[in-house]
Amino acid sequence: MKFAEIIDDSWDLTMKKVIHEIDGIKDVRRIAHDADVALDLTKIALQHLLYYDSILMIDLFLFGNVYAPTPSIDDFVADRDGLQDECANYVYINGPRLSNFYLCRLFTSLCTSRTLKEWIKLHLDQNFPVLNYVDVRRFIQFGVIKGLIYRVNKYAVSSQYLASLVTGQSVQIDRGDVLQKYTDGQHCFDQITVEQNMGDAKIMEQLRQFQKGDVEIIYR
């Protein structure tokens, strides 16, 4: 959908400003900042667009993210409904176009134990410079939107905190208590990032304040 073709003077000014900043790359906070609109109002505008199926909301793209194939990857490998050419037209960078076999190879090599950064290095080590041919951000977007891959989220689990929830006894953690409520295995790192304004490295640093061996990181 091209918003420029449907916006008219009757549209709310806030909505116009928010729409102008939607580019498939910016996160919600960045859209709010660049549109000079309060974050809460930006969220309301985006929820309105989402309700009417005018936009899709997907996870922020980061090279530290982990993705894995869904059963629908079989449809891509079988090239049902011309999925391979559709993907190629969306993700290939200007230059020599590779065989669609490489797109299958790229999707099927995503797994729960490998970040995108590690995935790129894997292919570089196999003499396939992914970044020379493929826009990785668009590649991942295509896979997620089509249901071919899913985001594998990261969770922290504290054995002591889980035990304290059962017994009702509190657990004291030096300088790490701000994250304690997130260590029950039900809150992914993305949620911590949004609510505590922390990056991955800062979260891990805080979790190291817990007793040694207490916290495990799980992916699902």
Protein backbone atom coordinates (compact mmCIF):
# COMPACT_ATOMS: atom_id res chain seq x y z
CA MET A 1 0.00 0.00 0.00
CA LYS A 2 1.27 3.46 -0.90
CA PHE A 3 0.06 5.83 1.80
CA ALA A 4 0.72 8.87 -0.39
CA GLU A 5 -2.09 7.69 -2.68
CA ILE A 6 -4.75 7.52 0.04
CA ILE A 7 -3.87 10.36 2.43
CA ASP A 8 -5.98 13.49 2.06
CA ASP A 9 -6.57 16.71 4.00
CA SER A 10 -9.15 15.05 6.25
CA TRP A 11 -6.54 12.80 7.85
CA ASP A 12 -5.41 13.52 11.40
CA LEU A 13 -2.13 15.50 11.50
CA THR A 14 -0.55 13.05 13.95
CA MET A 15 -1.39 10.13 11.68
CA LYS A 16 0.10 11.94 8.69
CA LYS A 17 3.34 12.61 10.56
CA VAL A 18 3.62 9.00 11.75
CA ILE A 19 2.88 7.52 8.31
CA HIS A 20 5.55 9.71 6.73
CA GLU A 21 8.20 7.98 8.89
CA ILE A 22 7.14 4.37 8.25
CA ASP A 23 9.85 2.84 6.05
CA GLY A 24 10.11 -0.81 7.11
CA ILE A 25 13.33 -0.12 9.01
CA LYS A 26 12.63 2.28 11.88
CA ASP A 27 11.38 0.94 15.19
CA VAL A 28 8.42 2.51 16.99
CA ARG A 29 10.56 4.78 19.17
CA ARG A 30 12.49 6.03 16.14
CA ILE A 31 9.26 6.71 14.24
CA ALA A 32 7.95 8.71 17.20
CA HIS A 33 11.20 10.68 17.48
CA ASP A 34 11.52 11.47 13.78
CA ALA A 35 7.83 12.34 13.47
CA ASP A 36 8.07 14.59 16.55
CA VAL A 37 5.07 12.80 18.03
CA ALA A 38 4.70 11.50 21.59
CA LEU A 39 5.43 7.78 21.87
CA ASP A 40 1.97 6.96 23.26
CA LEU A 41 0.27 8.78 20.36
CA THR A 42 2.56 7.03 17.88
CA LYS A 43 1.55 3.66 19.32
CA ILE A 44 -2.14 4.55 19.01
CA ALA A 45 -1.67 5.59 15.38
CA LEU A 46 0.19 2.38 14.55
CA GLN A 47 -2.41 0.25 16.35
CA HIS A 48 -5.09 1.94 14.23
CA LEU A 49 -3.20 1.13 11.02
CA LEU A 50 -2.60 -2.42 12.25
CA TYR A 51 -6.29 -2.92 13.01
CA TYR A 52 -7.19 -2.06 9.42
CA ASP A 53 -4.44 -4.32 8.01
CA SER A 54 -2.62 -1.29 6.59
CA ILE A 55 0.72 -2.29 8.13
CA LEU A 56 2.52 -5.34 9.49
CA MET A 57 4.49 -5.27 12.74
CA ILE A 58 7.61 -7.42 12.95
CA ASP A 59 10.58 -7.60 15.30
CA LEU A 60 13.36 -5.06 15.03
CA PHE A 61 16.09 -6.39 12.76
CA LEU A 62 19.43 -6.91 14.52
CA PHE A 63 22.40 -9.05 13.53
CA GLY A 64 22.31 -10.56 17.01
CA ASN A 65 18.82 -11.98 16.35
CA VAL A 66 18.27 -15.70 15.90
CA TYR A 67 15.85 -17.17 13.36
CA ALA A 68 14.87 -20.71 12.42
CA PRO A 69 12.75 -22.27 9.64
CA THR A 70 9.10 -23.19 10.12
CA PRO A 71 7.46 -26.23 8.45
CA SER A 72 6.35 -23.83 5.69
CA ILE A 73 9.93 -23.73 4.43
CA ASP A 74 8.95 -26.87 2.49
CA ASP A 75 6.69 -24.67 0.33
CA PHE A 76 9.64 -22.43 -0.47
CA VAL A 77 11.95 -25.31 -1.36
CA ALA A 78 9.20 -26.75 -3.60
CA ASP A 79 8.75 -23.26 -5.12
CA ARG A 80 5.00 -23.26 -4.60
CA ASP A 81 3.27 -20.18 -6.05
CA GLY A 82 6.58 -18.89 -7.40
CA LEU A 83 7.90 -18.05 -3.93
CA GLN A 84 11.54 -18.32 -4.96
CA ASP A 85 11.35 -15.73 -7.74
CA GLU A 86 9.25 -13.46 -5.54
CA CYS A 87 11.92 -13.65 -2.86
CA ALA A 88 14.76 -13.14 -5.35
CA ASN A 89 13.13 -10.01 -6.75
CA TYR A 90 12.78 -8.63 -3.23
CA VAL A 91 16.17 -9.46 -1.71
CA TYR A 92 18.85 -9.58 -4.40
CA ILE A 93 21.13 -6.56 -4.59
CA ASN A 94 21.79 -5.07 -8.03
CA GLY A 95 24.38 -7.16 -9.80
CA PRO A 96 24.75 -10.79 -10.86
CA ARG A 97 21.67 -12.78 -9.91
CA LEU A 98 22.41 -16.13 -8.34
CA SER A 99 20.48 -19.34 -8.75
CA ASN A 100 17.45 -19.61 -6.47
CA PHE A 101 19.15 -22.66 -4.98
CA TYR A 102 21.20 -20.26 -2.87
CA LEU A 103 18.06 -18.76 -1.36
CA CYS A 104 16.98 -22.24 -0.25
CA ARG A 105 20.44 -22.81 1.15
CA LEU A 106 20.31 -19.54 3.09
CA PHE A 107 16.89 -20.19 4.62
CA THR A 108 17.60 -23.79 5.60
CA SER A 109 20.91 -22.88 7.26
CA LEU A 110 19.17 -20.64 9.80
CA CYS A 111 18.87 -22.43 13.15
CA THR A 112 18.19 -21.89 16.84
CA SER A 113 21.87 -22.03 17.83
CA ARG A 114 23.14 -19.39 15.39
CA THR A 115 22.80 -15.60 15.35
CA LEU A 116 22.55 -13.79 12.02
CA LYS A 117 26.11 -12.57 12.49
CA GLU A 118 27.30 -16.16 12.93
CA TRP A 119 25.12 -17.26 10.00
CA ILE A 120 26.80 -14.72 7.71
CA LYS A 121 30.24 -15.83 8.90
CA LEU A 122 29.31 -19.47 8.25
CA HIS A 123 28.62 -18.69 4.59
CA LEU A 124 31.70 -16.49 4.29
CA ASP A 125 33.78 -19.43 5.53
CA GLN A 126 32.15 -21.49 2.77
CA ASN A 127 33.20 -18.88 0.18
CA PHE A 128 29.71 -17.45 -0.23
CA PRO A 129 29.79 -13.69 0.57
CA VAL A 130 26.11 -13.26 1.41
CA LEU A 131 26.30 -9.48 1.81
CA ASN A 132 27.56 -9.05 -1.76
CA TYR A 133 24.38 -10.51 -3.20
CA VAL A 134 21.57 -10.32 -0.67
CA ASP A 135 20.01 -7.54 1.38
CA VAL A 136 19.90 -9.55 4.60
CA ARG A 137 17.34 -7.30 6.28
CA ARG A 138 14.91 -7.72 3.37
CA PHE A 139 15.70 -11.45 3.24
CA ILE A 140 14.70 -11.90 6.88
CA GLN A 141 11.65 -9.67 6.46
CA PHE A 142 10.46 -11.76 3.53
CA GLY A 143 10.91 -15.00 5.48
CA VAL A 144 9.05 -13.71 8.53
CA ILE A 145 6.17 -12.13 6.58
CA LYS A 146 5.67 -15.27 4.49
CA GLY A 147 5.85 -17.50 7.57
CA LEU A 148 8.94 -19.35 6.32
CA ILE A 149 11.02 -18.53 9.39
CA TYR A 150 10.33 -17.37 12.94
CA ARG A 151 12.21 -15.27 15.44
CA VAL A 152 13.83 -17.30 18.21
CA ASN A 153 13.63 -15.25 21.39
CA LYS A 154 16.03 -15.28 24.32
CA TYR A 155 14.91 -15.70 27.95
CA ALA A 156 16.69 -15.63 31.31
CA VAL A 157 15.77 -18.24 33.93
CA SER A 158 16.93 -17.95 37.55
CA SER A 159 16.56 -21.14 39.59
CA GLN A 160 16.62 -19.18 42.84
CA TYR A 161 13.97 -16.73 41.67
CA LEU A 162 11.68 -19.55 40.51
CA ALA A 163 12.14 -21.22 43.90
CA SER A 164 11.33 -17.94 45.66
CA LEU A 165 8.07 -17.67 43.72
CA VAL A 166 7.09 -21.07 45.09
CA THR A 167 8.17 -20.46 48.70
CA GLY A 168 7.31 -16.77 48.89
CA GLN A 169 10.80 -15.89 50.13
CA SER A 170 12.56 -12.98 48.45
CA VAL A 171 16.01 -13.30 46.87
CA GLN A 172 18.52 -10.48 47.19
CA ILE A 173 20.79 -9.79 44.19
CA ASP A 174 23.41 -7.05 44.35
CA ARG A 175 22.69 -4.49 41.61
CA GLY A 176 20.78 -7.10 39.62
CA ASP A 177 17.37 -6.83 41.27
CA VAL A 178 16.02 -4.57 38.52
CA LEU A 179 15.99 -7.65 36.27
CA GLN A 180 14.88 -10.20 38.85
CA LYS A 181 11.21 -10.08 37.84
CA TYR A 182 12.23 -10.93 34.26
CA THR A 183 14.06 -14.15 35.18
CA ASP A 184 11.09 -16.50 35.37
CA GLY A 185 11.48 -17.62 31.75
CA GLN A 186 8.39 -15.71 30.64
CA HIS A 187 9.98 -12.40 29.60
CA CYS A 188 12.12 -12.26 26.48
CA PHE A 189 15.12 -9.95 26.11
CA ASP A 190 13.14 -7.73 23.72
CA GLN A 191 10.69 -6.94 26.52
CA ILE A 192 13.54 -6.10 28.88
CA THR A 193 15.09 -3.86 26.23
CA VAL A 194 11.86 -1.93 25.73
CA GLU A 195 10.90 -1.61 29.40
CA GLN A 196 14.36 -1.01 30.87
CA ASN A 197 16.03 0.67 27.87
CA MET A 198 18.92 -1.83 27.94
CA GLY A 199 20.78 -3.46 25.10
CA ASP A 200 21.76 -7.13 25.02
CA ALA A 201 25.23 -6.50 26.43
CA LYS A 202 23.89 -4.45 29.35
CA ILE A 203 21.28 -7.10 30.16
CA MET A 204 23.95 -9.81 30.26
CA GLU A 205 26.14 -7.61 32.45
CA GLN A 206 23.28 -7.18 34.92
CA LEU A 207 22.49 -10.90 34.92
CA ARG A 208 26.10 -11.63 35.91
CA GLN A 209 25.32 -9.97 39.25
CA PHE A 210 23.21 -13.00 40.12
CA GLN A 211 24.80 -15.92 41.97
CA LYS A 212 27.20 -17.83 39.74
CA GLY A 213 25.44 -20.65 37.91
CA ASP A 214 21.97 -19.46 38.91
CA VAL A 215 20.85 -17.95 35.61
CA GLU A 216 20.51 -19.88 32.37
CA ILE A 217 19.75 -18.35 28.98
CA ILE A 218 17.28 -20.31 26.91
CA TYR A 219 16.12 -19.84 23.31
CA ARG A 220 12.64 -20.63 22.04
